[in-house]
Amino acid sequence: LREGDIARARHQQQVIEALIQKATSTTILTKYADILKSME
């Protein structure tokens, strides 16, 4: 990446935002148990 660490930090924010979008969608209803298990 041309911006190195700075670009990587932006990518990390992108992934967090994408996870929040999934977790606050209807996905949470069908994937709830799997989500909790993944964090265990």
Full PDB file with SEQRES, HELIX, SHEET, SSBOND, CRYST1, ORIGX, SCALE, CONECT and MASTER records, all heavy atoms in Angstrom:
SEQRES   1 A   40  LEU ARG GLU GLY ASP ILE ALA ARG ALA ARG HIS GLN GLN          
SEQRES   2 A   40  GLN VAL ILE GLU ALA LEU ILE GLN LYS ALA THR SER THR          
SEQRES   3 A   40  THR ILE LEU THR LYS TYR ALA ASP ILE LEU LYS SER MET          
SEQRES   4 A   40  GLU                                                          
HELIX    1 AA1 ASP A    5  ALA A   23  1                                  19    
HELIX    2 AA2 THR A   27  MET A   39  1                                  13    
CRYST1    1.000    1.000    1.000  90.00  90.00  90.00 P 1           1          
ORIGX1      1.000000  0.000000  0.000000        0.00000                         
ORIGX2      0.000000  1.000000  0.000000        0.00000                         
ORIGX3      0.000000  0.000000  1.000000        0.00000                         
SCALE1      1.000000  0.000000  0.000000        0.00000                         
SCALE2      0.000000  1.000000  0.000000        0.00000                         
SCALE3      0.000000  0.000000  1.000000        0.00000                         
ATOM      1  N   LEU A   1       0.834  -1.201   0.000  1.00  0.00           N  
ATOM      2  CA  LEU A   1       0.000   0.000   0.000  1.00  0.00           C  
ATOM      3  C   LEU A   1       0.870   1.253   0.000  1.00  0.00           C  
ATOM      4  O   LEU A   1       1.834   1.345   0.781  1.00  0.00           O  
ATOM      5  CB  LEU A   1      -0.914   0.014   1.233  1.00  0.00           C  
ATOM      6  CG  LEU A   1      -1.795  -1.239   1.422  1.00  0.00           C  
ATOM      7  CD1 LEU A   1      -2.574  -1.132   2.712  1.00  0.00           C  
ATOM      8  CD2 LEU A   1      -2.740  -1.420   0.248  1.00  0.00           C  
ATOM      9  N   ARG A   2       0.531   2.193  -0.843  1.00  0.00           N  
ATOM     10  CA  ARG A   2       1.348   3.406  -0.985  1.00  0.00           C  
ATOM     11  C   ARG A   2       1.454   4.167   0.336  1.00  0.00           C  
ATOM     12  O   ARG A   2       2.520   4.700   0.670  1.00  0.00           O  
ATOM     13  CB  ARG A   2       0.758   4.305  -2.071  1.00  0.00           C  
ATOM     14  CG  ARG A   2       1.582   5.554  -2.364  1.00  0.00           C  
ATOM     15  CD  ARG A   2       1.030   6.290  -3.569  1.00  0.00           C  
ATOM     16  NE  ARG A   2      -0.363   6.645  -3.384  1.00  0.00           N  
ATOM     17  CZ  ARG A   2      -0.762   7.740  -2.735  1.00  0.00           C  
ATOM     18  NH1 ARG A   2       0.131   8.563  -2.198  1.00  0.00           N  
ATOM     19  NH2 ARG A   2      -2.052   8.011  -2.611  1.00  0.00           N  
ATOM     20  N   GLU A   3       0.354   4.216   1.102  1.00  0.00           N  
ATOM     21  CA  GLU A   3       0.380   4.939   2.378  1.00  0.00           C  
ATOM     22  C   GLU A   3       0.719   4.037   3.560  1.00  0.00           C  
ATOM     23  O   GLU A   3       0.649   4.479   4.713  1.00  0.00           O  
ATOM     24  CB  GLU A   3      -0.969   5.605   2.616  1.00  0.00           C  
ATOM     25  CG  GLU A   3      -1.266   6.753   1.664  1.00  0.00           C  
ATOM     26  CD  GLU A   3      -2.570   7.434   2.009  1.00  0.00           C  
ATOM     27  OE1 GLU A   3      -3.632   6.823   1.789  1.00  0.00           O  
ATOM     28  OE2 GLU A   3      -2.534   8.576   2.525  1.00  0.00           O  
ATOM     29  N   GLY A   4       1.053   2.775   3.299  1.00  0.00           N  
ATOM     30  CA  GLY A   4       1.515   1.883   4.346  1.00  0.00           C  
ATOM     31  C   GLY A   4       0.571   1.743   5.521  1.00  0.00           C  
ATOM     32  O   GLY A   4      -0.594   1.379   5.375  1.00  0.00           O  
ATOM     33  N   ASP A   5       1.081   2.088   6.703  1.00  0.00           N  
ATOM     34  CA  ASP A   5       0.314   1.929   7.948  1.00  0.00           C  
ATOM     35  C   ASP A   5      -0.965   2.753   7.967  1.00  0.00           C  
ATOM     36  O   ASP A   5      -1.975   2.342   8.549  1.00  0.00           O  
ATOM     37  CB  ASP A   5       1.186   2.344   9.143  1.00  0.00           C  
ATOM     38  CG  ASP A   5       1.627   1.132   9.952  1.00  0.00           C  
ATOM     39  OD1 ASP A   5       1.152   0.029   9.659  1.00  0.00           O  
ATOM     40  OD2 ASP A   5       2.441   1.305  10.863  1.00  0.00           O  
ATOM     41  N   ILE A   6      -0.930   3.925   7.359  1.00  0.00           N  
ATOM     42  CA  ILE A   6      -2.110   4.789   7.361  1.00  0.00           C  
ATOM     43  C   ILE A   6      -3.235   4.137   6.563  1.00  0.00           C  
ATOM     44  O   ILE A   6      -4.395   4.110   6.992  1.00  0.00           O  
ATOM     45  CB  ILE A   6      -1.766   6.177   6.789  1.00  0.00           C  
ATOM     46  CG1 ILE A   6      -0.773   6.885   7.727  1.00  0.00           C  
ATOM     47  CG2 ILE A   6      -3.024   7.016   6.607  1.00  0.00           C  
ATOM     48  CD1 ILE A   6      -0.270   8.204   7.211  1.00  0.00           C  
ATOM     49  N   ALA A   7      -2.889   3.581   5.392  1.00  0.00           N  
ATOM     50  CA  ALA A   7      -3.889   2.889   4.575  1.00  0.00           C  
ATOM     51  C   ALA A   7      -4.415   1.664   5.312  1.00  0.00           C  
ATOM     52  O   ALA A   7      -5.615   1.353   5.259  1.00  0.00           O  
ATOM     53  CB  ALA A   7      -3.288   2.484   3.233  1.00  0.00           C  
ATOM     54  N   ARG A   8      -3.529   0.952   6.010  1.00  0.00           N  
ATOM     55  CA  ARG A   8      -3.962  -0.217   6.764  1.00  0.00           C  
ATOM     56  C   ARG A   8      -4.957   0.172   7.859  1.00  0.00           C  
ATOM     57  O   ARG A   8      -5.956  -0.521   8.076  1.00  0.00           O  
ATOM     58  CB  ARG A   8      -2.764  -0.934   7.387  1.00  0.00           C  
ATOM     59  CG  ARG A   8      -3.181  -2.068   8.294  1.00  0.00           C  
ATOM     60  CD  ARG A   8      -2.083  -3.011   8.620  1.00  0.00           C  
ATOM     61  NE  ARG A   8      -0.973  -2.408   9.324  1.00  0.00           N  
ATOM     62  CZ  ARG A   8       0.079  -3.100   9.771  1.00  0.00           C  
ATOM     63  NH1 ARG A   8       0.139  -4.401   9.544  1.00  0.00           N  
ATOM     64  NH2 ARG A   8       1.057  -2.508  10.390  1.00  0.00           N  
ATOM     65  N   ALA A   9      -4.707   1.270   8.539  1.00  0.00           N  
ATOM     66  CA  ALA A   9      -5.633   1.730   9.581  1.00  0.00           C  
ATOM     67  C   ALA A   9      -7.008   2.044   8.987  1.00  0.00           C  
ATOM     68  O   ALA A   9      -8.037   1.759   9.600  1.00  0.00           O  
ATOM     69  CB  ALA A   9      -5.059   2.950  10.293  1.00  0.00           C  
ATOM     70  N   ARG A  10      -7.020   2.634   7.787  1.00  0.00           N  
ATOM     71  CA  ARG A  10      -8.299   2.912   7.131  1.00  0.00           C  
ATOM     72  C   ARG A  10      -9.018   1.616   6.791  1.00  0.00           C  
ATOM     73  O   ARG A  10     -10.247   1.516   6.912  1.00  0.00           O  
ATOM     74  CB  ARG A  10      -8.074   3.744   5.868  1.00  0.00           C  
ATOM     75  CG  ARG A  10      -7.591   5.173   6.128  1.00  0.00           C  
ATOM     76  CD  ARG A  10      -7.793   6.049   4.909  1.00  0.00           C  
ATOM     77  NE  ARG A  10      -7.237   7.388   5.137  1.00  0.00           N  
ATOM     78  CZ  ARG A  10      -6.079   7.821   4.658  1.00  0.00           C  
ATOM     79  NH1 ARG A  10      -5.355   7.008   3.903  1.00  0.00           N  
ATOM     80  NH2 ARG A  10      -5.650   9.034   4.914  1.00  0.00           N  
ATOM     81  N   HIS A  11      -8.258   0.611   6.358  1.00  0.00           N  
ATOM     82  CA  HIS A  11      -8.855  -0.691   6.056  1.00  0.00           C  
ATOM     83  C   HIS A  11      -9.471  -1.310   7.307  1.00  0.00           C  
ATOM     84  O   HIS A  11     -10.541  -1.930   7.255  1.00  0.00           O  
ATOM     85  CB  HIS A  11      -7.803  -1.631   5.471  1.00  0.00           C  
ATOM     86  CG  HIS A  11      -7.430  -1.303   4.065  1.00  0.00           C  
ATOM     87  ND1 HIS A  11      -6.477  -1.991   3.358  1.00  0.00           N  
ATOM     88  CD2 HIS A  11      -7.892  -0.342   3.216  1.00  0.00           C  
ATOM     89  CE1 HIS A  11      -6.368  -1.481   2.150  1.00  0.00           C  
ATOM     90  NE2 HIS A  11      -7.209  -0.482   2.044  1.00  0.00           N  
ATOM     91  N   GLN A  12      -8.798  -1.140   8.440  1.00  0.00           N  
ATOM     92  CA  GLN A  12      -9.328  -1.669   9.695  1.00  0.00           C  
ATOM     93  C   GLN A  12     -10.654  -1.000  10.034  1.00  0.00           C  
ATOM     94  O   GLN A  12     -11.607  -1.664  10.481  1.00  0.00           O  
ATOM     95  CB  GLN A  12      -8.302  -1.452  10.813  1.00  0.00           C  
ATOM     96  CG  GLN A  12      -7.057  -2.312  10.650  1.00  0.00           C  
ATOM     97  CD  GLN A  12      -5.907  -1.852  11.534  1.00  0.00           C  
ATOM     98  OE1 GLN A  12      -6.002  -0.863  12.252  1.00  0.00           O  
ATOM     99  NE2 GLN A  12      -4.793  -2.570  11.463  1.00  0.00           N  
ATOM    100  N   GLN A  13     -10.742   0.302   9.806  1.00  0.00           N  
ATOM    101  CA  GLN A  13     -11.997   1.010  10.060  1.00  0.00           C  
ATOM    102  C   GLN A  13     -13.087   0.533   9.109  1.00  0.00           C  
ATOM    103  O   GLN A  13     -14.255   0.380   9.508  1.00  0.00           O  
ATOM    104  CB  GLN A  13     -11.785   2.518   9.916  1.00  0.00           C  
ATOM    105  CG  GLN A  13     -10.920   3.121  11.014  1.00  0.00           C  
ATOM    106  CD  GLN A  13     -10.736   4.616  10.863  1.00  0.00           C  
ATOM    107  OE1 GLN A  13     -11.086   5.194   9.829  1.00  0.00           O  
ATOM    108  NE2 GLN A  13     -10.176   5.258  11.870  1.00  0.00           N  
ATOM    109  N   GLN A  14     -12.717   0.281   7.846  1.00  0.00           N  
ATOM    110  CA  GLN A  14     -13.684  -0.231   6.872  1.00  0.00           C  
ATOM    111  C   GLN A  14     -14.292  -1.555   7.330  1.00  0.00           C  
ATOM    112  O   GLN A  14     -15.510  -1.767   7.245  1.00  0.00           O  
ATOM    113  CB  GLN A  14     -13.003  -0.442   5.519  1.00  0.00           C  
ATOM    114  CG  GLN A  14     -12.900   0.787   4.649  1.00  0.00           C  
ATOM    115  CD  GLN A  14     -12.364   0.412   3.277  1.00  0.00           C  
ATOM    116  OE1 GLN A  14     -11.316  -0.220   3.142  1.00  0.00           O  
ATOM    117  NE2 GLN A  14     -13.086   0.802   2.244  1.00  0.00           N  
ATOM    118  N   VAL A  15     -13.433  -2.450   7.801  1.00  0.00           N  
ATOM    119  CA  VAL A  15     -13.894  -3.768   8.219  1.00  0.00           C  
ATOM    120  C   VAL A  15     -14.792  -3.659   9.447  1.00  0.00           C  
ATOM    121  O   VAL A  15     -15.826  -4.344   9.545  1.00  0.00           O  
ATOM    122  CB  VAL A  15     -12.695  -4.710   8.485  1.00  0.00           C  
ATOM    123  CG1 VAL A  15     -13.137  -5.975   9.209  1.00  0.00           C  
ATOM    124  CG2 VAL A  15     -12.019  -5.069   7.169  1.00  0.00           C  
ATOM    125  N   ILE A  16     -14.438  -2.796  10.387  1.00  0.00           N  
ATOM    126  CA  ILE A  16     -15.281  -2.601  11.571  1.00  0.00           C  
ATOM    127  C   ILE A  16     -16.657  -2.068  11.167  1.00  0.00           C  
ATOM    128  O   ILE A  16     -17.698  -2.539  11.647  1.00  0.00           O  
ATOM    129  CB  ILE A  16     -14.592  -1.644  12.571  1.00  0.00           C  
ATOM    130  CG1 ILE A  16     -13.415  -2.361  13.252  1.00  0.00           C  
ATOM    131  CG2 ILE A  16     -15.590  -1.165  13.626  1.00  0.00           C  
ATOM    132  CD1 ILE A  16     -12.627  -1.485  14.175  1.00  0.00           C  
ATOM    133  N   GLU A  17     -16.676  -1.088  10.271  1.00  0.00           N  
ATOM    134  CA  GLU A  17     -17.949  -0.531   9.817  1.00  0.00           C  
ATOM    135  C   GLU A  17     -18.790  -1.595   9.105  1.00  0.00           C  
ATOM    136  O   GLU A  17     -20.015  -1.664   9.283  1.00  0.00           O  
ATOM    137  CB  GLU A  17     -17.692   0.655   8.898  1.00  0.00           C  
ATOM    138  CG  GLU A  17     -17.146   1.885   9.627  1.00  0.00           C  
ATOM    139  CD  GLU A  17     -16.791   3.016   8.682  1.00  0.00           C  
ATOM    140  OE1 GLU A  17     -17.143   2.912   7.487  1.00  0.00           O  
ATOM    141  OE2 GLU A  17     -16.174   4.001   9.119  1.00  0.00           O  
ATOM    142  N   ALA A  18     -18.122  -2.450   8.294  1.00  0.00           N  
ATOM    143  CA  ALA A  18     -18.834  -3.511   7.576  1.00  0.00           C  
ATOM    144  C   ALA A  18     -19.422  -4.524   8.548  1.00  0.00           C  
ATOM    145  O   ALA A  18     -20.545  -5.008   8.357  1.00  0.00           O  
ATOM    146  CB  ALA A  18     -17.885  -4.205   6.595  1.00  0.00           C  
ATOM    147  N   LEU A  19     -18.671  -4.837   9.606  1.00  0.00           N  
ATOM    148  CA  LEU A  19     -19.174  -5.766  10.616  1.00  0.00           C  
ATOM    149  C   LEU A  19     -20.364  -5.172  11.365  1.00  0.00           C  
ATOM    150  O   LEU A  19     -21.337  -5.879  11.664  1.00  0.00           O  
ATOM    151  CB  LEU A  19     -18.061  -6.130  11.595  1.00  0.00           C  
ATOM    152  CG  LEU A  19     -17.040  -7.157  11.098  1.00  0.00           C  
ATOM    153  CD1 LEU A  19     -15.843  -7.216  12.048  1.00  0.00           C  
ATOM    154  CD2 LEU A  19     -17.687  -8.536  10.978  1.00  0.00           C  
ATOM    155  N   ILE A  20     -20.295  -3.883  11.663  1.00  0.00           N  
ATOM    156  CA  ILE A  20     -21.408  -3.217  12.356  1.00  0.00           C  
ATOM    157  C   ILE A  20     -22.653  -3.254  11.482  1.00  0.00           C  
ATOM    158  O   ILE A  20     -23.767  -3.510  11.964  1.00  0.00           O  
ATOM    159  CB  ILE A  20     -21.032  -1.769  12.722  1.00  0.00           C  
ATOM    160  CG1 ILE A  20     -19.950  -1.770  13.823  1.00  0.00           C  
ATOM    161  CG2 ILE A  20     -22.257  -0.989  13.191  1.00  0.00           C  
ATOM    162  CD1 ILE A  20     -19.398  -0.401  14.138  1.00  0.00           C  
ATOM    163  N   GLN A  21     -22.483  -3.013  10.182  1.00  0.00           N  
ATOM    164  CA  GLN A  21     -23.621  -3.054   9.268  1.00  0.00           C  
ATOM    165  C   GLN A  21     -24.273  -4.436   9.262  1.00  0.00           C  
ATOM    166  O   GLN A  21     -25.502  -4.554   9.299  1.00  0.00           O  
ATOM    167  CB  GLN A  21     -23.170  -2.684   7.854  1.00  0.00           C  
ATOM    168  CG  GLN A  21     -22.830  -1.217   7.676  1.00  0.00           C  
ATOM    169  CD  GLN A  21     -22.283  -0.911   6.293  1.00  0.00           C  
ATOM    170  OE1 GLN A  21     -22.148  -1.800   5.457  1.00  0.00           O  
ATOM    171  NE2 GLN A  21     -21.951   0.351   6.052  1.00  0.00           N  
ATOM    172  N   LYS A  22     -23.434  -5.494   9.231  1.00  0.00           N  
ATOM    173  CA  LYS A  22     -23.975  -6.843   9.232  1.00  0.00           C  
ATOM    174  C   LYS A  22     -24.654  -7.158  10.561  1.00  0.00           C  
ATOM    175  O   LYS A  22     -25.734  -7.757  10.609  1.00  0.00           O  
ATOM    176  CB  LYS A  22     -22.856  -7.856   8.967  1.00  0.00           C  
ATOM    177  CG  LYS A  22     -22.610  -8.172   7.497  1.00  0.00           C  
ATOM    178  CD  LYS A  22     -23.806  -8.876   6.889  1.00  0.00           C  
ATOM    179  CE  LYS A  22     -23.560  -9.340   5.472  1.00  0.00           C  
ATOM    180  NZ  LYS A  22     -22.741 -10.532   5.380  1.00  0.00           N  
ATOM    181  N   ALA A  23     -24.004  -6.754  11.647  1.00  0.00           N  
ATOM    182  CA  ALA A  23     -24.517  -7.090  12.983  1.00  0.00           C  
ATOM    183  C   ALA A  23     -25.810  -6.354  13.312  1.00  0.00           C  
ATOM    184  O   ALA A  23     -26.581  -6.796  14.154  1.00  0.00           O  
ATOM    185  CB  ALA A  23     -23.466  -6.784  14.043  1.00  0.00           C  
ATOM    186  N   THR A  24     -26.055  -5.205  12.641  1.00  0.00           N  
ATOM    187  CA  THR A  24     -27.277  -4.449  12.908  1.00  0.00           C  
ATOM    188  C   THR A  24     -28.342  -4.700  11.843  1.00  0.00           C  
ATOM    189  O   THR A  24     -29.388  -4.041  11.841  1.00  0.00           O  
ATOM    190  CB  THR A  24     -26.973  -2.937  12.967  1.00  0.00           C  
ATOM    191  OG1 THR A  24     -26.286  -2.543  11.763  1.00  0.00           O  
ATOM    192  CG2 THR A  24     -26.102  -2.612  14.165  1.00  0.00           C  
ATOM    193  N   SER A  25     -28.090  -5.654  10.954  1.00  0.00           N  
ATOM    194  CA  SER A  25     -29.069  -6.018   9.934  1.00  0.00           C  
ATOM    195  C   SER A  25     -29.843  -7.257  10.384  1.00  0.00           C  
ATOM    196  O   SER A  25     -29.645  -7.775  11.482  1.00  0.00           O  
ATOM    197  CB  SER A  25     -28.369  -6.286   8.599  1.00  0.00           C  
ATOM    198  OG  SER A  25     -27.604  -7.473   8.677  1.00  0.00           O  
ATOM    199  N   THR A  26     -30.693  -7.772   9.512  1.00  0.00           N  
ATOM    200  CA  THR A  26     -31.460  -8.979   9.841  1.00  0.00           C  
ATOM    201  C   THR A  26     -30.560 -10.198   9.998  1.00  0.00           C  
ATOM    202  O   THR A  26     -31.004 -11.226  10.507  1.00  0.00           O  
ATOM    203  CB  THR A  26     -32.500  -9.262   8.741  1.00  0.00           C  
ATOM    204  OG1 THR A  26     -31.831  -9.307   7.466  1.00  0.00           O  
ATOM    205  CG2 THR A  26     -33.564  -8.175   8.702  1.00  0.00           C  
ATOM    206  N   THR A  27     -29.294 -10.078   9.588  1.00  0.00           N  
ATOM    207  CA  THR A  27     -28.328 -11.174   9.753  1.00  0.00           C  
ATOM    208  C   THR A  27     -28.234 -11.606  11.211  1.00  0.00           C  
ATOM    209  O   THR A  27     -28.043 -12.783  11.516  1.00  0.00           O  
ATOM    210  CB  THR A  27     -26.929 -10.733   9.266  1.00  0.00           C  
ATOM    211  OG1 THR A  27     -27.018 -10.411   7.881  1.00  0.00           O  
ATOM    212  CG2 THR A  27     -25.898 -11.839   9.462  1.00  0.00           C  
ATOM    213  N   ILE A  28     -28.390 -10.633  12.123  1.00  0.00           N  
ATOM    214  CA  ILE A  28     -28.245 -10.919  13.552  1.00  0.00           C  
ATOM    215  C   ILE A  28     -29.258 -11.961  14.018  1.00  0.00           C  
ATOM    216  O   ILE A  28     -29.003 -12.727  14.948  1.00  0.00           O  
ATOM    217  CB  ILE A  28     -28.392  -9.613  14.379  1.00  0.00           C  
ATOM    218  CG1 ILE A  28     -27.907  -9.811  15.822  1.00  0.00           C  
ATOM    219  CG2 ILE A  28     -29.820  -9.114  14.357  1.00  0.00           C  
ATOM    220  CD1 ILE A  28     -26.430  -9.945  15.942  1.00  0.00           C  
ATOM    221  N   LEU A  29     -30.427 -12.033  13.347  1.00  0.00           N  
ATOM    222  CA  LEU A  29     -31.468 -12.960  13.768  1.00  0.00           C  
ATOM    223  C   LEU A  29     -31.097 -14.408  13.480  1.00  0.00           C  
ATOM    224  O   LEU A  29     -31.363 -15.301  14.278  1.00  0.00           O  
ATOM    225  CB  LEU A  29     -32.794 -12.613  13.070  1.00  0.00           C  
ATOM    226  CG  LEU A  29     -33.352 -11.213  13.372  1.00  0.00           C  
ATOM    227  CD1 LEU A  29     -34.609 -10.965  12.543  1.00  0.00           C  
ATOM    228  CD2 LEU A  29     -33.644 -11.057  14.849  1.00  0.00           C  
ATOM    229  N   THR A  30     -30.493 -14.650  12.328  1.00  0.00           N  
ATOM    230  CA  THR A  30     -30.165 -16.017  11.927  1.00  0.00           C  
ATOM    231  C   THR A  30     -28.755 -16.428  12.331  1.00  0.00           C  
ATOM    232  O   THR A  30     -28.456 -17.615  12.411  1.00  0.00           O  
ATOM    233  CB  THR A  30     -30.318 -16.176  10.403  1.00  0.00           C  
ATOM    234  OG1 THR A  30     -29.484 -15.218   9.741  1.00  0.00           O  
ATOM    235  CG2 THR A  30     -31.769 -15.950   9.990  1.00  0.00           C  
ATOM    236  N   LYS A  31     -27.896 -15.451  12.576  1.00  0.00           N  
ATOM    237  CA  LYS A  31     -26.490 -15.759  12.862  1.00  0.00           C  
ATOM    238  C   LYS A  31     -26.108 -15.454  14.307  1.00  0.00           C  
ATOM    239  O   LYS A  31     -24.939 -15.509  14.666  1.00  0.00           O  
ATOM    240  CB  LYS A  31     -25.581 -14.934  11.930  1.00  0.00           C  
ATOM    241  CG  LYS A  31     -25.826 -15.158  10.446  1.00  0.00           C  
ATOM    242  CD  LYS A  31     -25.310 -16.503   9.993  1.00  0.00           C  
ATOM    243  CE  LYS A  31     -25.401 -16.648   8.484  1.00  0.00           C  
ATOM    244  NZ  LYS A  31     -24.889 -17.951   8.030  1.00  0.00           N  
ATOM    245  N   TYR A  32     -27.086 -15.146  15.135  1.00  0.00           N  
ATOM    246  CA  TYR A  32     -26.823 -14.659  16.497  1.00  0.00           C  
ATOM    247  C   TYR A  32     -25.937 -15.617  17.288  1.00  0.00           C  
ATOM    248  O   TYR A  32     -24.909 -15.217  17.847  1.00  0.00           O  
ATOM    249  CB  TYR A  32     -28.146 -14.450  17.220  1.00  0.00           C  
ATOM    250  CG  TYR A  32     -28.004 -13.827  18.585  1.00  0.00           C  
ATOM    251  CD1 TYR A  32     -27.728 -12.477  18.725  1.00  0.00           C  
ATOM    252  CD2 TYR A  32     -28.153 -14.592  19.733  1.00  0.00           C  
ATOM    253  CE1 TYR A  32     -27.596 -11.904  19.981  1.00  0.00           C  
ATOM    254  CE2 TYR A  32     -28.029 -14.028  20.997  1.00  0.00           C  
ATOM    255  CZ  TYR A  32     -27.751 -12.680  21.108  1.00  0.00           C  
ATOM    256  OH  TYR A  32     -27.605 -12.118  22.347  1.00  0.00           O  
ATOM    257  N   ALA A  33     -26.323 -16.896  17.333  1.00  0.00           N  
ATOM    258  CA  ALA A  33     -25.557 -17.869  18.118  1.00  0.00           C  
ATOM    259  C   ALA A  33     -24.150 -18.030  17.557  1.00  0.00           C  
ATOM    260  O   ALA A  33     -23.173 -18.144  18.315  1.00  0.00           O  
ATOM    261  CB  ALA A  33     -26.287 -19.217  18.123  1.00  0.00           C  
ATOM    262  N   ASP A  34     -24.018 -18.030  16.230  1.00  0.00           N  
ATOM    263  CA  ASP A  34     -22.700 -18.162  15.604  1.00  0.00           C  
ATOM    264  C   ASP A  34     -21.809 -16.969  15.920  1.00  0.00           C  
ATOM    265  O   ASP A  34     -20.600 -17.109  16.122  1.00  0.00           O  
ATOM    266  CB  ASP A  34     -22.842 -18.299  14.078  1.00  0.00           C  
ATOM    267  CG  ASP A  34     -23.469 -19.624  13.670  1.00  0.00           C  
ATOM    268  OD1 ASP A  34     -23.366 -20.588  14.450  1.00  0.00           O  
ATOM    269  OD2 ASP A  34     -24.063 -19.683  12.583  1.00  0.00           O  
ATOM    270  N   ILE A  35     -22.418 -15.778  15.953  1.00  0.00           N  
ATOM    271  CA  ILE A  35     -21.652 -14.569  16.259  1.00  0.00           C  
ATOM    272  C   ILE A  35     -21.090 -14.633  17.679  1.00  0.00           C  
ATOM    273  O   ILE A  35     -19.913 -14.342  17.912  1.00  0.00           O  
ATOM    274  CB  ILE A  35     -22.528 -13.314  16.078  1.00  0.00           C  
ATOM    275  CG1 ILE A  35     -22.837 -13.113  14.583  1.00  0.00           C  
ATOM    276  CG2 ILE A  35     -21.843 -12.082  16.646  1.00  0.00           C  
ATOM    277  CD1 ILE A  35     -23.863 -12.042  14.313  1.00  0.00           C  
ATOM    278  N   LEU A  36     -21.929 -15.024  18.638  1.00  0.00           N  
ATOM    279  CA  LEU A  36     -21.459 -15.128  20.027  1.00  0.00           C  
ATOM    280  C   LEU A  36     -20.368 -16.187  20.149  1.00  0.00           C  
ATOM    281  O   LEU A  36     -19.359 -15.982  20.831  1.00  0.00           O  
ATOM    282  CB  LEU A  36     -22.631 -15.469  20.952  1.00  0.00           C  
ATOM    283  CG  LEU A  36     -23.726 -14.411  21.111  1.00  0.00           C  
ATOM    284  CD1 LEU A  36     -24.700 -14.838  22.199  1.00  0.00           C  
ATOM    285  CD2 LEU A  36     -23.144 -13.044  21.429  1.00  0.00           C  
ATOM    286  N   LYS A  37     -20.567 -17.319  19.482  1.00  0.00           N  
ATOM    287  CA  LYS A  37     -19.589 -18.409  19.552  1.00  0.00           C  
ATOM    288  C   LYS A  37     -18.250 -17.979  18.961  1.00  0.00           C  
ATOM    289  O   LYS A  37     -17.192 -18.360  19.464  1.00  0.00           O  
ATOM    290  CB  LYS A  37     -20.127 -19.632  18.816  1.00  0.00           C  
ATOM    291  CG  LYS A  37     -19.226 -20.857  18.948  1.00  0.00           C  
ATOM    292  CD  LYS A  37     -19.829 -22.066  18.247  1.00  0.00           C  
ATOM    293  CE  LYS A  37     -18.908 -23.279  18.377  1.00  0.00           C  
ATOM    294  NZ  LYS A  37     -19.472 -24.452  17.663  1.00  0.00           N  
ATOM    295  N   SER A  38     -18.283 -17.173  17.897  1.00  0.00           N  
ATOM    296  CA  SER A  38     -17.047 -16.747  17.242  1.00  0.00           C  
ATOM    297  C   SER A  38     -16.185 -15.887  18.159  1.00  0.00           C  
ATOM    298  O   SER A  38     -14.965 -15.835  18.009  1.00  0.00           O  
ATOM    299  CB  SER A  38     -17.373 -15.969  15.964  1.00  0.00           C  
ATOM    300  OG  SER A  38     -17.918 -14.691  16.259  1.00  0.00           O  
ATOM    301  N   MET A  39     -16.813 -15.196  19.108  1.00  0.00           N  
ATOM    302  CA  MET A  39     -16.075 -14.307  20.002  1.00  0.00           C  
ATOM    303  C   MET A  39     -15.609 -14.998  21.277  1.00  0.00           C  
ATOM    304  O   MET A  39     -14.806 -14.454  22.029  1.00  0.00           O  
ATOM    305  CB  MET A  39     -16.954 -13.112  20.372  1.00  0.00           C  
ATOM    306  CG  MET A  39     -17.464 -12.310  19.183  1.00  0.00           C  
ATOM    307  SD  MET A  39     -16.135 -11.556  18.243  1.00  0.00           S  
ATOM    308  CE  MET A  39     -15.726 -10.202  19.327  1.00  0.00           C  
ATOM    309  N   GLU A  40     -16.116 -16.214  21.502  1.00  0.00           N  
ATOM    310  CA  GLU A  40     -15.801 -16.926  22.736  1.00  0.00           C  
ATOM    311  C   GLU A  40     -14.311 -17.260  22.814  1.00  0.00           C  
ATOM    312  O   GLU A  40     -13.751 -17.920  21.945  1.00  0.00           O  
ATOM    313  CB  GLU A  40     -16.619 -18.214  22.797  1.00  0.00           C  
ATOM    314  CG  GLU A  40     -16.611 -18.895  24.152  1.00  0.00           C  
ATOM    315  CD  GLU A  40     -17.579 -20.068  24.190  1.00  0.00           C  
ATOM    316  OE1 GLU A  40     -18.712 -19.918  23.702  1.00  0.00           O  
ATOM    317  OE2 GLU A  40     -17.176 -21.122  24.692  1.00  0.00           O  
TER     318      GLU A  40                                                      
MASTER        0    0    0    2    0    0    0    6  317    1    0    4          
END                                                                             
